[in-house]
């Protein structure tokens, strides 16, 4: 069974065409990261993150 609480995320623009994403999970476990642009899912840009606390 996966986590039940949302992870807090902070996205920072590096001003060089890249972004840095900091994830602070409230629980250990496998989290699914889904990327949206303009409210729409970006295909092929989902990932899973295994977070240990």
PDB file of N, CA and C in Angstrom:
ATOM      1  N   UNK A   1       0.854  -1.180   0.000  1.00  0.00           N
ATOM      2  CA  UNK A   1       0.000   0.000   0.000  1.00  0.00           C
ATOM      3  C   UNK A   1       0.890   1.229   0.000  1.00  0.00           C
ATOM      4  N   UNK A   2       0.523   2.222  -0.767  1.00  0.00           N
ATOM      5  CA  UNK A   2       1.330   3.429  -0.902  1.00  0.00           C
ATOM      6  C   UNK A   2       0.996   4.485   0.130  1.00  0.00           C
ATOM      7  N   UNK A   3       1.675   5.601   0.047  1.00  0.00           N
ATOM      8  CA  UNK A   3       1.442   6.713   0.976  1.00  0.00           C
ATOM      9  C   UNK A   3       0.026   7.269   0.866  1.00  0.00           C
ATOM     10  N   UNK A   4      -0.454   7.823   1.938  1.00  0.00           N
ATOM     11  CA  UNK A   4      -1.796   8.402   1.975  1.00  0.00           C
ATOM     12  C   UNK A   4      -1.781   9.928   2.024  1.00  0.00           C
ATOM     13  N   UNK A   5      -0.620  10.515   2.318  1.00  0.00           N
ATOM     14  CA  UNK A   5      -0.524  11.960   2.418  1.00  0.00           C
ATOM     15  C   UNK A   5       0.227  12.526   1.220  1.00  0.00           C
ATOM     16  N   UNK A   6      -0.095  13.747   0.868  1.00  0.00           N
ATOM     17  CA  UNK A   6       0.528  14.421  -0.263  1.00  0.00           C
ATOM     18  C   UNK A   6       1.938  14.866   0.130  1.00  0.00           C
ATOM     19  N   UNK A   7       2.882  14.774  -0.792  1.00  0.00           N
ATOM     20  CA  UNK A   7       4.237  15.287  -0.573  1.00  0.00           C
ATOM     21  C   UNK A   7       4.260  16.770  -0.943  1.00  0.00           C
ATOM     22  N   UNK A   8       5.013  17.554  -0.195  1.00  0.00           N
ATOM     23  CA  UNK A   8       5.162  18.977  -0.490  1.00  0.00           C
ATOM     24  C   UNK A   8       6.264  19.137  -1.522  1.00  0.00           C
ATOM     25  N   UNK A   9       6.027  19.968  -2.534  1.00  0.00           N
ATOM     26  CA  UNK A   9       6.998  20.165  -3.609  1.00  0.00           C
ATOM     27  C   UNK A   9       7.305  21.645  -3.769  1.00  0.00           C
ATOM     28  N   UNK A  10       8.565  21.934  -4.083  1.00  0.00           N
ATOM     29  CA  UNK A  10       8.996  23.299  -4.366  1.00  0.00           C
ATOM     30  C   UNK A  10       9.760  23.275  -5.684  1.00  0.00           C
ATOM     31  N   UNK A  11       9.304  24.050  -6.646  1.00  0.00           N
ATOM     32  CA  UNK A  11       9.906  24.085  -7.978  1.00  0.00           C
ATOM     33  C   UNK A  11      10.607  25.429  -8.167  1.00  0.00           C
ATOM     34  N   UNK A  12      11.890  25.382  -8.557  1.00  0.00           N
ATOM     35  CA  UNK A  12      12.659  26.607  -8.760  1.00  0.00           C
ATOM     36  C   UNK A  12      13.201  26.645 -10.180  1.00  0.00           C
ATOM     37  N   UNK A  13      13.044  27.788 -10.832  1.00  0.00           N
ATOM     38  CA  UNK A  13      13.560  28.008 -12.183  1.00  0.00           C
ATOM     39  C   UNK A  13      15.044  28.367 -12.077  1.00  0.00           C
ATOM     40  N   UNK A  14      15.904  27.596 -12.724  1.00  0.00           N
ATOM     41  CA  UNK A  14      17.354  27.844 -12.696  1.00  0.00           C
ATOM     42  C   UNK A  14      17.771  28.929 -13.686  1.00  0.00           C
ATOM     43  N   UNK A  15      16.819  29.431 -14.469  1.00  0.00           N
ATOM     44  CA  UNK A  15      17.056  30.499 -15.458  1.00  0.00           C
ATOM     45  C   UNK A  15      18.006  30.072 -16.571  1.00  0.00           C
ATOM     46  N   UNK A  16      18.170  28.751 -16.771  1.00  0.00           N
ATOM     47  CA  UNK A  16      19.021  28.254 -17.847  1.00  0.00           C
ATOM     48  C   UNK A  16      18.299  27.181 -18.671  1.00  0.00           C
ATOM     49  N   UNK A  17      16.963  27.201 -18.589  1.00  0.00           N
ATOM     50  CA  UNK A  17      16.172  26.210 -19.310  1.00  0.00           C
ATOM     51  C   UNK A  17      15.875  24.963 -18.497  1.00  0.00           C
ATOM     52  N   UNK A  18      16.354  24.915 -17.242  1.00  0.00           N
ATOM     53  CA  UNK A  18      16.103  23.765 -16.369  1.00  0.00           C
ATOM     54  C   UNK A  18      15.406  24.235 -15.099  1.00  0.00           C
ATOM     55  N   UNK A  19      14.834  23.278 -14.393  1.00  0.00           N
ATOM     56  CA  UNK A  19      14.171  23.540 -13.128  1.00  0.00           C
ATOM     57  C   UNK A  19      14.695  22.560 -12.090  1.00  0.00           C
ATOM     58  N   UNK A  20      14.679  22.957 -10.835  1.00  0.00           N
ATOM     59  CA  UNK A  20      15.020  22.074  -9.722  1.00  0.00           C
ATOM     60  C   UNK A  20      13.762  21.810  -8.909  1.00  0.00           C
ATOM     61  N   UNK A  21      13.495  20.540  -8.626  1.00  0.00           N
ATOM     62  CA  UNK A  21      12.314  20.146  -7.866  1.00  0.00           C
ATOM     63  C   UNK A  21      12.769  19.555  -6.545  1.00  0.00           C
ATOM     64  N   UNK A  22      12.290  20.129  -5.458  1.00  0.00           N
ATOM     65  CA  UNK A  22      12.572  19.623  -4.118  1.00  0.00           C
ATOM     66  C   UNK A  22      11.289  18.997  -3.596  1.00  0.00           C
ATOM     67  N   UNK A  23      11.386  17.743  -3.177  1.00  0.00           N
ATOM     68  CA  UNK A  23      10.224  17.003  -2.695  1.00  0.00           C
ATOM     69  C   UNK A  23      10.417  16.679  -1.228  1.00  0.00           C
ATOM     70  N   UNK A  24       9.418  17.013  -0.408  1.00  0.00           N
ATOM     71  CA  UNK A  24       9.452  16.681   1.016  1.00  0.00           C
ATOM     72  C   UNK A  24       8.211  15.848   1.321  1.00  0.00           C
ATOM     73  N   UNK A  25       8.419  14.551   1.400  1.00  0.00           N
ATOM     74  CA  UNK A  25       7.305  13.639   1.661  1.00  0.00           C
ATOM     75  C   UNK A  25       6.972  13.619   3.148  1.00  0.00           C
ATOM     76  N   UNK A  26       5.708  13.374   3.446  1.00  0.00           N
ATOM     77  CA  UNK A  26       5.262  13.255   4.831  1.00  0.00           C
ATOM     78  C   UNK A  26       5.318  11.811   5.320  1.00  0.00           C
ATOM     79  N   UNK A  27       5.437  10.859   4.381  1.00  0.00           N
ATOM     80  CA  UNK A  27       5.518   9.442   4.721  1.00  0.00           C
ATOM     81  C   UNK A  27       6.491   8.745   3.779  1.00  0.00           C
ATOM     82  N   UNK A  28       7.070   7.664   4.256  1.00  0.00           N
ATOM     83  CA  UNK A  28       7.917   6.829   3.403  1.00  0.00           C
ATOM     84  C   UNK A  28       7.044   6.061   2.421  1.00  0.00           C
ATOM     85  N   UNK A  29       7.644   5.653   1.320  1.00  0.00           N
ATOM     86  CA  UNK A  29       6.929   4.834   0.352  1.00  0.00           C
ATOM     87  C   UNK A  29       7.098   5.344  -1.062  1.00  0.00           C
ATOM     88  N   UNK A  30       6.438   4.668  -1.977  1.00  0.00           N
ATOM     89  CA  UNK A  30       6.512   5.012  -3.403  1.00  0.00           C
ATOM     90  C   UNK A  30       5.501   6.100  -3.719  1.00  0.00           C
ATOM     91  N   UNK A  31       5.985   7.202  -4.223  1.00  0.00           N
ATOM     92  CA  UNK A  31       5.145   8.325  -4.645  1.00  0.00           C
ATOM     93  C   UNK A  31       5.198   8.402  -6.162  1.00  0.00           C
ATOM     94  N   UNK A  32       4.116   8.808  -6.790  1.00  0.00           N
ATOM     95  CA  UNK A  32       4.068   8.981  -8.233  1.00  0.00           C
ATOM     96  C   UNK A  32       4.109  10.476  -8.538  1.00  0.00           C
ATOM     97  N   UNK A  33       5.050  10.868  -9.389  1.00  0.00           N
ATOM     98  CA  UNK A  33       5.215  12.258  -9.790  1.00  0.00           C
ATOM     99  C   UNK A  33       4.636  12.420 -11.186  1.00  0.00           C
ATOM    100  N   UNK A  34       3.664  13.319 -11.327  1.00  0.00           N
ATOM    101  CA  UNK A  34       3.054  13.591 -12.625  1.00  0.00           C
ATOM    102  C   UNK A  34       3.311  15.055 -12.983  1.00  0.00           C
ATOM    103  N   UNK A  35       3.765  15.277 -14.211  1.00  0.00           N
ATOM    104  CA  UNK A  35       4.111  16.615 -14.680  1.00  0.00           C
ATOM    105  C   UNK A  35       2.962  17.165 -15.524  1.00  0.00           C
ATOM    106  N   UNK A  36       2.553  18.416 -15.227  1.00  0.00           N
ATOM    107  CA  UNK A  36       1.524  19.106 -16.004  1.00  0.00           C
ATOM    108  C   UNK A  36       2.087  20.426 -16.505  1.00  0.00           C
ATOM    109  N   UNK A  37       1.631  20.837 -17.673  1.00  0.00           N
ATOM    110  CA  UNK A  37       1.977  22.142 -18.232  1.00  0.00           C
ATOM    111  C   UNK A  37       0.684  22.779 -18.712  1.00  0.00           C
ATOM    112  N   UNK A  38       0.378  23.958 -18.207  1.00  0.00           N
ATOM    113  CA  UNK A  38      -0.876  24.614 -18.571  1.00  0.00           C
ATOM    114  C   UNK A  38      -2.092  23.803 -18.165  1.00  0.00           C
ATOM    115  N   UNK A  39      -1.970  23.033 -17.082  1.00  0.00           N
ATOM    116  CA  UNK A  39      -3.078  22.226 -16.588  1.00  0.00           C
ATOM    117  C   UNK A  39      -3.244  20.888 -17.286  1.00  0.00           C
ATOM    118  N   UNK A  40      -2.429  20.618 -18.301  1.00  0.00           N
ATOM    119  CA  UNK A  40      -2.513  19.377 -19.067  1.00  0.00           C
ATOM    120  C   UNK A  40      -1.329  18.472 -18.734  1.00  0.00           C
ATOM    121  N   UNK A  41      -1.594  17.165 -18.627  1.00  0.00           N
ATOM    122  CA  UNK A  41      -0.526  16.202 -18.382  1.00  0.00           C
ATOM    123  C   UNK A  41       0.449  16.188 -19.552  1.00  0.00           C
ATOM    124  N   UNK A  42       1.744  16.140 -19.247  1.00  0.00           N
ATOM    125  CA  UNK A  42       2.788  16.031 -20.258  1.00  0.00           C
ATOM    126  C   UNK A  42       3.096  14.553 -20.421  1.00  0.00           C
ATOM    127  N   UNK A  43       2.749  13.995 -21.577  1.00  0.00           N
ATOM    128  CA  UNK A  43       2.920  12.556 -21.809  1.00  0.00           C
ATOM    129  C   UNK A  43       4.378  12.144 -21.702  1.00  0.00           C
ATOM    130  N   UNK A  44       4.612  10.997 -21.086  1.00  0.00           N
ATOM    131  CA  UNK A  44       5.955  10.462 -20.947  1.00  0.00           C
ATOM    132  C   UNK A  44       6.771  11.147 -19.884  1.00  0.00           C
ATOM    133  N   UNK A  45       6.152  12.004 -19.085  1.00  0.00           N
ATOM    134  CA  UNK A  45       6.882  12.754 -18.068  1.00  0.00           C
ATOM    135  C   UNK A  45       6.421  12.413 -16.652  1.00  0.00           C
ATOM    136  N   UNK A  46       5.969  11.198 -16.433  1.00  0.00           N
ATOM    137  CA  UNK A  46       5.622  10.745 -15.091  1.00  0.00           C
ATOM    138  C   UNK A  46       6.764   9.896 -14.564  1.00  0.00           C
ATOM    139  N   UNK A  47       6.934   9.885 -13.264  1.00  0.00           N
ATOM    140  CA  UNK A  47       7.995   9.098 -12.645  1.00  0.00           C
ATOM    141  C   UNK A  47       7.539   8.633 -11.276  1.00  0.00           C
ATOM    142  N   UNK A  48       8.183   7.608 -10.775  1.00  0.00           N
ATOM    143  CA  UNK A  48       7.916   7.202  -9.400  1.00  0.00           C
ATOM    144  C   UNK A  48       9.143   7.529  -8.564  1.00  0.00           C
ATOM    145  N   UNK A  49       8.917   7.915  -7.328  1.00  0.00           N
ATOM    146  CA  UNK A  49       9.972   8.319  -6.408  1.00  0.00           C
ATOM    147  C   UNK A  49       9.796   7.485  -5.149  1.00  0.00           C
ATOM    148  N   UNK A  50      10.847   6.799  -4.735  1.00  0.00           N
ATOM    149  CA  UNK A  50      10.805   6.035  -3.495  1.00  0.00           C
ATOM    150  C   UNK A  50      11.398   6.904  -2.395  1.00  0.00           C
ATOM    151  N   UNK A  51      10.571   7.337  -1.470  1.00  0.00           N
ATOM    152  CA  UNK A  51      10.979   8.287  -0.431  1.00  0.00           C
ATOM    153  C   UNK A  51      11.151   7.565   0.886  1.00  0.00           C
ATOM    154  N   UNK A  52      12.312   7.740   1.487  1.00  0.00           N
ATOM    155  CA  UNK A  52      12.563   7.211   2.821  1.00  0.00           C
ATOM    156  C   UNK A  52      12.643   8.371   3.802  1.00  0.00           C
ATOM    157  N   UNK A  53      11.968   8.227   4.919  1.00  0.00           N
ATOM    158  CA  UNK A  53      11.972   9.289   5.931  1.00  0.00           C
ATOM    159  C   UNK A  53      12.747   8.813   7.134  1.00  0.00           C
TER     160      UNK A  53
END
